[in-house]
C-alpha atoms as a PDB file:
ATOM      1  CA  MET A   1      -9.008  -0.670 160.488  1.00  0.00           C
ATOM      2  CA  ILE A   2     -11.106   2.371 159.580  1.00  0.00           C
ATOM      3  CA  ILE A   3      -7.991   4.553 159.638  1.00  0.00           C
ATOM      4  CA  PHE A   4      -6.116   1.952 157.592  1.00  0.00           C
ATOM      5  CA  GLY A   5      -8.848   1.752 154.924  1.00  0.00           C
ATOM      6  CA  SER A   6      -9.270   5.500 154.719  1.00  0.00           C
ATOM      7  CA  SER A   7      -5.515   5.948 154.448  1.00  0.00           C
ATOM      8  CA  PHE A   8      -5.452   3.503 151.546  1.00  0.00           C
ATOM      9  CA  ALA A   9      -8.029   5.655 149.717  1.00  0.00           C
ATOM     10  CA  ALA A  10      -6.049   8.792 150.557  1.00  0.00           C
ATOM     11  CA  GLY A  11      -2.874   7.280 149.116  1.00  0.00           C
ATOM     12  CA  LEU A  12      -4.713   6.317 145.945  1.00  0.00           C
ATOM     13  CA  LEU A  13      -6.071   9.842 145.486  1.00  0.00           C
ATOM     14  CA  GLY A  14      -2.768  11.420 146.430  1.00  0.00           C
ATOM     15  CA  ALA A  15      -0.855   9.482 143.786  1.00  0.00           C
ATOM     16  CA  LEU A  16      -3.439  10.185 141.064  1.00  0.00           C
ATOM     17  CA  THR A  17      -3.529  13.931 141.695  1.00  0.00           C
ATOM     18  CA  GLY A  18       0.031  14.590 142.893  1.00  0.00           C
ATOM     19  CA  LEU A  19      -1.146  15.854 146.296  1.00  0.00           C
ATOM     20  CA  GLY A  20       0.405  13.325 148.652  1.00  0.00           C
ATOM     21  CA  GLY A  21      -2.799  12.199 150.389  1.00  0.00           C
ATOM     22  CA  GLY A  22      -2.612  14.735 153.224  1.00  0.00           C
ATOM     23  CA  VAL A  23      -5.667  16.573 151.915  1.00  0.00           C
ATOM     24  CA  VAL A  24      -7.772  13.585 152.966  1.00  0.00           C
ATOM     25  CA  ILE A  25      -5.809  12.340 155.997  1.00  0.00           C
ATOM     26  CA  ILE A  26      -5.973  15.587 157.996  1.00  0.00           C
ATOM     27  CA  PRO A  27      -9.779  16.095 157.703  1.00  0.00           C
ATOM     28  CA  LEU A  28     -10.227  12.377 158.416  1.00  0.00           C
ATOM     29  CA  LEU A  29      -8.273  12.543 161.662  1.00  0.00           C
ATOM     30  CA  THR A  30      -9.576  15.912 162.867  1.00  0.00           C
ATOM     31  CA  LEU A  31     -13.229  15.737 161.791  1.00  0.00           C
ATOM     32  CA  GLY A  32     -13.709  11.971 161.982  1.00  0.00           C
ATOM     33  CA  PHE A  33     -11.659  11.049 165.051  1.00  0.00           C
ATOM     34  CA  GLY A  34     -11.390  14.344 166.951  1.00  0.00           C
ATOM     35  CA  ILE A  35      -7.590  14.416 166.930  1.00  0.00           C
ATOM     36  CA  ASN A  36      -5.842  17.752 167.523  1.00  0.00           C
ATOM     37  CA  ILE A  37      -4.989  19.238 164.133  1.00  0.00           C
ATOM     38  CA  LYS A  38      -1.299  19.700 164.954  1.00  0.00           C
ATOM     39  CA  TYR A  39      -0.949  15.971 165.697  1.00  0.00           C
ATOM     40  CA  ALA A  40      -2.902  15.286 162.503  1.00  0.00           C
ATOM     41  CA  VAL A  41      -0.475  17.487 160.577  1.00  0.00           C
ATOM     42  CA  GLY A  42       2.504  15.616 162.042  1.00  0.00           C
ATOM     43  CA  THR A  43       0.965  12.265 161.085  1.00  0.00           C
ATOM     44  CA  SER A  44       0.134  13.572 157.632  1.00  0.00           C
ATOM     45  CA  LEU A  45       3.743  14.591 157.027  1.00  0.00           C
ATOM     46  CA  ILE A  46       4.884  11.036 157.754  1.00  0.00           C
ATOM     47  CA  ALA A  47       2.160   9.734 155.441  1.00  0.00           C
ATOM     48  CA  VAL A  48       3.186  12.199 152.731  1.00  0.00           C
ATOM     49  CA  ILE A  49       6.742  10.845 152.827  1.00  0.00           C
ATOM     50  CA  ALA A  50       5.403   7.292 152.416  1.00  0.00           C
ATOM     51  CA  THR A  51       3.114   8.322 149.552  1.00  0.00           C
ATOM     52  CA  SER A  52       5.880  10.107 147.714  1.00  0.00           C
ATOM     53  CA  SER A  53       8.209   7.134 148.139  1.00  0.00           C
ATOM     54  CA  GLY A  54       5.609   4.735 146.780  1.00  0.00           C
ATOM     55  CA  ALA A  55       4.487   6.734 143.762  1.00  0.00           C
ATOM     56  CA  ALA A  56       7.730   8.497 142.864  1.00  0.00           C
ATOM     57  CA  ALA A  57       9.713   5.284 142.369  1.00  0.00           C
ATOM     58  CA  SER A  58       7.225   4.055 139.792  1.00  0.00           C
ATOM     59  CA  TYR A  59       7.065   7.390 137.950  1.00  0.00           C
ATOM     60  CA  VAL A  60      10.847   7.716 137.774  1.00  0.00           C
ATOM     61  CA  LYS A  61      11.120   4.179 136.412  1.00  0.00           C
ATOM     62  CA  GLU A  62       8.559   4.984 133.711  1.00  0.00           C
ATOM     63  CA  GLY A  63      10.507   8.110 132.729  1.00  0.00           C
ATOM     64  CA  ILE A  64       7.668  10.590 133.331  1.00  0.00           C
ATOM     65  CA  SER A  65       9.134  12.574 136.252  1.00  0.00           C
ATOM     66  CA  ASN A  66      11.637  15.294 135.390  1.00  0.00           C
ATOM     67  CA  ILE A  67      14.408  14.744 137.936  1.00  0.00           C
ATOM     68  CA  ARG A  68      16.339  17.909 137.072  1.00  0.00           C
ATOM     69  CA  ILE A  69      13.299  20.124 137.622  1.00  0.00           C
ATOM     70  CA  GLY A  70      12.429  18.325 140.839  1.00  0.00           C
ATOM     71  CA  MET A  71      15.893  18.607 142.355  1.00  0.00           C
ATOM     72  CA  PHE A  72      16.173  22.308 141.471  1.00  0.00           C
ATOM     73  CA  LEU A  73      12.752  23.271 142.848  1.00  0.00           C
ATOM     74  CA  GLU A  74      13.300  21.250 146.019  1.00  0.00           C
ATOM     75  CA  ILE A  75      15.746  23.924 147.142  1.00  0.00           C
ATOM     76  CA  ALA A  76      12.854  26.397 147.396  1.00  0.00           C
ATOM     77  CA  THR A  77      10.334  23.970 148.893  1.00  0.00           C
ATOM     78  CA  THR A  78      12.719  22.746 151.591  1.00  0.00           C
ATOM     79  CA  ILE A  79      13.528  26.277 152.769  1.00  0.00           C
ATOM     80  CA  GLY A  80       9.813  27.092 152.737  1.00  0.00           C
ATOM     81  CA  ALA A  81       8.911  23.913 154.642  1.00  0.00           C
ATOM     82  CA  ILE A  82      11.277  24.739 157.482  1.00  0.00           C
ATOM     83  CA  SER A  83       9.810  28.252 157.687  1.00  0.00           C
ATOM     84  CA  GLY A  84       6.225  26.925 157.727  1.00  0.00           C
ATOM     85  CA  ALA A  85       6.948  24.348 160.433  1.00  0.00           C
ATOM     86  CA  HIS A  86       8.305  27.056 162.734  1.00  0.00           C
ATOM     87  CA  ILE A  87       5.255  29.259 162.042  1.00  0.00           C
ATOM     88  CA  ALA A  88       2.930  26.354 162.926  1.00  0.00           C
ATOM     89  CA  GLY A  89       4.170  26.421 166.506  1.00  0.00           C
ATOM     90  CA  LEU A  90       3.198  30.078 166.872  1.00  0.00           C
ATOM     91  CA  VAL A  91      -0.419  30.041 165.623  1.00  0.00           C
ATOM     92  CA  SER A  92      -3.609  28.485 167.054  1.00  0.00           C
ATOM     93  CA  THR A  93      -5.274  25.321 165.788  1.00  0.00           C
ATOM     94  CA  GLU A  94      -8.242  27.383 164.567  1.00  0.00           C
ATOM     95  CA  VAL A  95      -5.999  29.468 162.314  1.00  0.00           C
ATOM     96  CA  VAL A  96      -4.360  26.341 160.926  1.00  0.00           C
ATOM     97  CA  ALA A  97      -7.774  24.751 160.228  1.00  0.00           C
ATOM     98  CA  VAL A  98      -9.203  27.782 158.423  1.00  0.00           C
ATOM     99  CA  THR A  99      -6.021  28.231 156.390  1.00  0.00           C
ATOM    100  CA  PHE A 100      -6.131  24.557 155.490  1.00  0.00           C
ATOM    101  CA  GLY A 101      -9.723  24.849 154.259  1.00  0.00           C
ATOM    102  CA  ILE A 102      -8.985  27.924 152.147  1.00  0.00           C
ATOM    103  CA  VAL A 103      -5.996  26.229 150.534  1.00  0.00           C
ATOM    104  CA  LEU A 104      -8.106  23.156 149.687  1.00  0.00           C
ATOM    105  CA  ILE A 105     -10.879  25.182 148.034  1.00  0.00           C
ATOM    106  CA  PHE A 106      -8.368  27.260 146.071  1.00  0.00           C
ATOM    107  CA  SER A 107      -6.632  24.074 144.946  1.00  0.00           C
ATOM    108  CA  ALA A 108      -9.973  22.637 143.765  1.00  0.00           C
ATOM    109  CA  PHE A 109     -10.703  25.775 141.747  1.00  0.00           C
ATOM    110  CA  VAL A 110      -7.321  25.737 140.036  1.00  0.00           C
ATOM    111  CA  SER A 111      -7.469  22.014 139.363  1.00  0.00           C
ATOM    112  CA  GLY A 112     -10.861  22.388 137.692  1.00  0.00           C
ATOM    113  CA  ARG A 113      -9.425  24.894 135.227  1.00  0.00           C
ATOM    114  CA  ARG A 114      -6.834  22.560 133.739  1.00  0.00           C
ATOM    115  CA  LYS A 115      -7.653  22.103 130.094  1.00  0.00           C
ATOM    116  CA  GLU A 116      -4.762  20.494 128.233  1.00  0.00           C
ATOM    117  CA  GLU A 117      -2.981  17.188 128.645  1.00  0.00           C
ATOM    118  CA  PHE A 118       0.228  18.889 127.637  1.00  0.00           C
ATOM    119  CA  ALA A 119       1.236  22.471 126.935  1.00  0.00           C
ATOM    120  CA  THR A 120       1.649  23.573 123.322  1.00  0.00           C
ATOM    121  CA  GLY A 121       3.418  26.482 121.704  1.00  0.00           C
ATOM    122  CA  VAL A 122       5.795  27.080 124.600  1.00  0.00           C
ATOM    123  CA  GLU A 123       9.012  28.742 123.507  1.00  0.00           C
ATOM    124  CA  ALA A 124      12.341  27.505 124.814  1.00  0.00           C
ATOM    125  CA  ASN A 125      13.620  29.353 127.882  1.00  0.00           C
ATOM    126  CA  LYS A 126      17.319  30.229 128.272  1.00  0.00           C
ATOM    127  CA  THR A 127      17.458  29.361 131.981  1.00  0.00           C
ATOM    128  CA  ALA A 128      15.705  26.050 131.418  1.00  0.00           C
ATOM    129  CA  SER A 129      17.961  25.235 128.490  1.00  0.00           C
ATOM    130  CA  TYR A 130      21.079  26.086 130.506  1.00  0.00           C
ATOM    131  CA  LEU A 131      19.915  23.824 133.364  1.00  0.00           C
ATOM    132  CA  ARG A 132      18.863  21.148 130.835  1.00  0.00           C
ATOM    133  CA  MET A 133      15.282  21.002 132.159  1.00  0.00           C
ATOM    134  CA  ASN A 134      13.536  20.431 128.816  1.00  0.00           C
ATOM    135  CA  GLY A 135      12.520  16.814 128.357  1.00  0.00           C
ATOM    136  CA  LYS A 136      10.218  14.194 126.866  1.00  0.00           C
ATOM    137  CA  TYR A 137       7.966  11.318 127.898  1.00  0.00           C
ATOM    138  CA  THR A 138       5.960   8.574 126.207  1.00  0.00           C
ATOM    139  CA  LEU A 139       2.173   8.853 125.885  1.00  0.00           C
ATOM    140  CA  GLU A 140       0.320   5.964 124.217  1.00  0.00           C
ATOM    141  CA  HIS A 141       3.472   4.879 122.370  1.00  0.00           C
ATOM    142  CA  ASP A 142       4.072   8.459 121.113  1.00  0.00           C
ATOM    143  CA  GLU A 143       7.040  10.537 122.266  1.00  0.00           C
ATOM    144  CA  VAL A 144       5.985  13.953 123.622  1.00  0.00           C
ATOM    145  CA  HIS A 145       8.670  16.668 123.772  1.00  0.00           C
ATOM    146  CA  TYR A 146       8.186  19.709 125.998  1.00  0.00           C
ATOM    147  CA  THR A 147      10.042  22.881 126.966  1.00  0.00           C
ATOM    148  CA  VAL A 148      10.078  24.725 130.294  1.00  0.00           C
ATOM    149  CA  LYS A 149       9.181  28.391 130.823  1.00  0.00           C
ATOM    150  CA  ASN A 150       9.663  30.989 133.615  1.00  0.00           C
ATOM    151  CA  VAL A 151      11.985  29.059 135.923  1.00  0.00           C
ATOM    152  CA  PRO A 152      12.429  31.953 138.454  1.00  0.00           C
ATOM    153  CA  GLY A 153       8.646  32.369 138.776  1.00  0.00           C
ATOM    154  CA  GLY A 154       8.196  28.669 139.427  1.00  0.00           C
ATOM    155  CA  PHE A 155      10.984  28.764 142.007  1.00  0.00           C
ATOM    156  CA  GLY A 156       9.207  31.577 143.912  1.00  0.00           C
ATOM    157  CA  VAL A 157       5.863  29.785 144.007  1.00  0.00           C
ATOM    158  CA  MET A 158       7.638  26.657 145.212  1.00  0.00           C
ATOM    159  CA  TYR A 159       8.832  28.521 148.311  1.00  0.00           C
ATOM    160  CA  ILE A 160       5.182  29.312 149.121  1.00  0.00           C
ATOM    161  CA  ALA A 161       4.282  25.671 148.479  1.00  0.00           C
ATOM    162  CA  GLY A 162       6.981  24.558 150.899  1.00  0.00           C
ATOM    163  CA  ALA A 163       5.831  27.002 153.589  1.00  0.00           C
ATOM    164  CA  LEU A 164       2.253  25.720 153.305  1.00  0.00           C
ATOM    165  CA  SER A 165       3.558  22.160 153.507  1.00  0.00           C
ATOM    166  CA  GLY A 166       5.341  22.875 156.768  1.00  0.00           C
ATOM    167  CA  LEU A 167       2.317  24.714 158.185  1.00  0.00           C
ATOM    168  CA  LEU A 168      -0.474  22.392 157.019  1.00  0.00           C
ATOM    169  CA  GLY A 169       1.228  19.020 156.493  1.00  0.00           C
ATOM    170  CA  ILE A 170      -0.292  18.405 153.066  1.00  0.00           C
ATOM    171  CA  GLY A 171       2.829  18.314 150.926  1.00  0.00           C
ATOM    172  CA  SER A 172       1.364  21.271 148.981  1.00  0.00           C
ATOM    173  CA  GLY A 173       1.270  19.162 145.872  1.00  0.00           C
ATOM    174  CA  ALA A 174      -1.524  21.342 144.522  1.00  0.00           C
ATOM    175  CA  PHE A 175       0.629  24.467 144.620  1.00  0.00           C
ATOM    176  CA  LYS A 176       3.577  22.603 143.149  1.00  0.00           C
ATOM    177  CA  VAL A 177       1.418  21.450 140.261  1.00  0.00           C
ATOM    178  CA  ILE A 178       0.090  25.005 139.862  1.00  0.00           C
ATOM    179  CA  ALA A 179       3.627  26.356 139.599  1.00  0.00           C
ATOM    180  CA  MET A 180       4.645  23.732 137.067  1.00  0.00           C
ATOM    181  CA  ASP A 181       1.387  23.792 135.069  1.00  0.00           C
ATOM    182  CA  TYR A 182       0.624  27.501 134.821  1.00  0.00           C
ATOM    183  CA  ILE A 183       3.976  29.179 135.334  1.00  0.00           C
ATOM    184  CA  MET A 184       6.503  26.729 133.942  1.00  0.00           C
ATOM    185  CA  LYS A 185       4.053  25.282 131.353  1.00  0.00           C
ATOM    186  CA  LEU A 186       4.850  21.620 131.984  1.00  0.00           C
ATOM    187  CA  PRO A 187       2.559  18.827 130.727  1.00  0.00           C
ATOM    188  CA  PHE A 188      -0.034  17.579 133.231  1.00  0.00           C
ATOM    189  CA  ARG A 189       1.509  14.148 133.742  1.00  0.00           C
ATOM    190  CA  VAL A 190       5.020  15.575 134.102  1.00  0.00           C
ATOM    191  CA  SER A 191       3.945  18.160 136.684  1.00  0.00           C
ATOM    192  CA  THR A 192       1.903  15.614 138.663  1.00  0.00           C
ATOM    193  CA  THR A 193       4.625  12.966 138.749  1.00  0.00           C
ATOM    194  CA  THR A 194       7.427  15.449 139.430  1.00  0.00           C
ATOM    195  CA  SER A 195       5.325  16.849 142.281  1.00  0.00           C
ATOM    196  CA  ASN A 196       5.114  13.356 143.784  1.00  0.00           C
ATOM    197  CA  PHE A 197       8.880  13.053 143.467  1.00  0.00           C
ATOM    198  CA  MET A 198       9.353  16.328 145.378  1.00  0.00           C
ATOM    199  CA  ILE A 199       6.703  15.989 148.064  1.00  0.00           C
ATOM    200  CA  GLY A 200       8.627  13.510 150.215  1.00  0.00           C
ATOM    201  CA  VAL A 201      11.702  15.726 150.486  1.00  0.00           C
ATOM    202  CA  THR A 202       9.570  18.753 151.364  1.00  0.00           C
ATOM    203  CA  ALA A 203       7.653  16.835 154.039  1.00  0.00           C
ATOM    204  CA  ALA A 204      10.837  15.386 155.528  1.00  0.00           C
ATOM    205  CA  ALA A 205      12.244  18.885 156.046  1.00  0.00           C
ATOM    206  CA  SER A 206       9.312  19.934 158.241  1.00  0.00           C
ATOM    207  CA  ALA A 207       8.603  16.514 159.814  1.00  0.00           C
ATOM    208  CA  GLY A 208      11.833  16.759 161.812  1.00  0.00           C
ATOM    209  CA  ILE A 209      10.622  19.953 163.455  1.00  0.00           C
ATOM    210  CA  TYR A 210       7.212  18.433 164.277  1.00  0.00           C
ATOM    211  CA  LEU A 211       8.969  15.404 165.775  1.00  0.00           C
ATOM    212  CA  GLN A 212      11.115  17.661 167.920  1.00  0.00           C
ATOM    213  CA  LYS A 213       7.989  19.450 169.205  1.00  0.00           C
ATOM    214  CA  GLY A 214       6.254  16.146 170.018  1.00  0.00           C
ATOM    215  CA  TYR A 215       3.493  16.382 167.400  1.00  0.00           C
ATOM    216  CA  ILE A 216       4.186  12.984 165.784  1.00  0.00           C
ATOM    217  CA  ASP A 217       2.512   9.991 167.465  1.00  0.00           C
ATOM    218  CA  PRO A 218       4.029   6.655 166.267  1.00  0.00           C
ATOM    219  CA  GLY A 219       0.894   4.714 167.272  1.00  0.00           C
ATOM    220  CA  LEU A 220      -1.255   6.917 165.060  1.00  0.00           C
ATOM    221  CA  SER A 221       1.232   7.173 162.216  1.00  0.00           C
ATOM    222  CA  MET A 222       1.640   3.382 161.807  1.00  0.00           C
ATOM    223  CA  PRO A 223      -1.855   2.456 160.452  1.00  0.00           C
ATOM    224  CA  VAL A 224      -1.878   5.603 158.313  1.00  0.00           C
ATOM    225  CA  VAL A 225       1.430   4.763 156.653  1.00  0.00           C
ATOM    226  CA  LEU A 226       0.521   1.065 156.241  1.00  0.00           C
ATOM    227  CA  GLY A 227      -2.635   2.084 154.405  1.00  0.00           C
ATOM    228  CA  ILE A 228      -1.371   4.995 152.373  1.00  0.00           C
ATOM    229  CA  LEU A 229       1.696   3.289 150.920  1.00  0.00           C
ATOM    230  CA  PRO A 230      -0.099   0.507 148.955  1.00  0.00           C
ATOM    231  CA  GLY A 231      -2.696   3.057 147.887  1.00  0.00           C
ATOM    232  CA  ALA A 232       0.049   5.253 146.429  1.00  0.00           C
ATOM    233  CA  LEU A 233       1.626   2.330 144.594  1.00  0.00           C
ATOM    234  CA  ILE A 234      -1.678   1.331 142.980  1.00  0.00           C
ATOM    235  CA  GLY A 235      -2.519   4.963 142.175  1.00  0.00           C
ATOM    236  CA  SER A 236       0.758   5.431 140.335  1.00  0.00           C
ATOM    237  CA  LYS A 237      -0.116   2.473 138.116  1.00  0.00           C
ATOM    238  CA  LEU A 238      -3.621   3.754 137.409  1.00  0.00           C
ATOM    239  CA  LEU A 239      -2.485   7.260 136.445  1.00  0.00           C
ATOM    240  CA  VAL A 240      -1.343   6.180 132.991  1.00  0.00           C
ATOM    241  CA  ARG A 241      -4.797   4.684 132.301  1.00  0.00           C
ATOM    242  CA  PHE A 242      -7.099   7.398 133.687  1.00  0.00           C
ATOM    243  CA  ARG A 243      -8.307  10.401 131.731  1.00  0.00           C
ATOM    244  CA  THR A 244      -7.056  13.556 133.421  1.00  0.00           C
ATOM    245  CA  LYS A 245     -10.517  15.131 133.124  1.00  0.00           C
ATOM    246  CA  TRP A 246     -11.916  12.610 135.599  1.00  0.00           C
ATOM    247  CA  LEU A 247      -8.953  13.086 137.922  1.00  0.00           C
ATOM    248  CA  ARG A 248      -9.691  16.814 138.079  1.00  0.00           C
ATOM    249  CA  ILE A 249     -13.392  16.296 138.751  1.00  0.00           C
ATOM    250  CA  ILE A 250     -12.819  13.773 141.554  1.00  0.00           C
ATOM    251  CA  PHE A 251     -10.082  15.881 143.111  1.00  0.00           C
ATOM    252  CA  ALA A 252     -12.094  19.115 142.988  1.00  0.00           C
ATOM    253  CA  LEU A 253     -15.255  17.616 144.507  1.00  0.00           C
ATOM    254  CA  VAL A 254     -13.518  15.833 147.370  1.00  0.00           C
ATOM    255  CA  ILE A 255     -11.309  18.644 148.562  1.00  0.00           C
ATOM    256  CA  THR A 256     -14.010  21.329 148.157  1.00  0.00           C
ATOM    257  CA  ILE A 257     -16.256  19.443 150.589  1.00  0.00           C
ATOM    258  CA  LEU A 258     -13.372  18.837 152.991  1.00  0.00           C
ATOM    259  CA  GLY A 259     -12.267  22.474 152.722  1.00  0.00           C
ATOM    260  CA  ILE A 260     -15.717  23.799 153.674  1.00  0.00           C
ATOM    261  CA  GLU A 261     -15.884  21.421 156.641  1.00  0.00           C
ATOM    262  CA  MET A 262     -12.454  22.490 157.890  1.00  0.00           C
ATOM    263  CA  ILE A 263     -13.290  26.203 157.659  1.00  0.00           C
ATOM    264  CA  SER A 264     -16.618  25.699 159.433  1.00  0.00           C
ATOM    265  CA  ASN A 265     -15.089  23.731 162.297  1.00  0.00           C
ATOM    266  CA  GLY A 266     -12.125  26.082 162.560  1.00  0.00           C
ATOM    267  CA  ILE A 267     -14.358  29.152 162.916  1.00  0.00           C
ATOM    268  CA  SER A 268     -16.634  27.429 165.418  1.00  0.00           C
ATOM    269  CA  GLY A 269     -13.636  26.233 167.453  1.00  0.00           C
ATOM    270  CA  ASN A 270     -14.515  22.537 167.245  1.00  0.00           C
ATOM    271  CA  LEU A 271     -10.965  21.409 166.430  1.00  0.00           C
END
């Protein structure tokens, strides 16, 4: 029941921030229950798929997610995820834990620097126009139009995001949002919801490899998925009501603390 309740909270946070919930699930299982981090990563990947399925359906229905951008960038994340999953089998649990902690702290720093609800003054990009990536969404009954910038740069960062997803089992939603926010200049809600749409596909690509290596325990995955799925569904509904400033603050505080704990335990060899 503790795992179920914690997974519900992780799903809620994952949907609100576009991270997929793995940033909470992995520290919970490794630090709280003493589970080997590679089994925690395998469980997290299954949970990430459930989170993405729960939140993405709602976002697509509301017309916030940009399907064209998501499908294009999934090419890079899927290739990266397969690469990361193979690398995970070659490195020690301590290396995975320290890397995980560093990624969390970096994600918190970047998230805290977000300033605008939506990007302004972004010129139309030829590649984006050719691929018909520019779009619009509704915010408080107003129609917001946006254009996409630097598609190749975003594609490159997405490969890194996919590799980290396969290695760490977190969906790498933070890096996906970074690529779409800072490089491609997408609005906050569009980048967050499109990230949720993509995370499940990325996780599925690496989950197959973890399953083949025996790092996915069905008995552990069941309560995690049962908790994280309703949390993701509720989180997707709350996103349209929350101020993004508070989302950033909550996200940054939680994952900074978890990141420090993971680094400390990884260095000391307690995982």
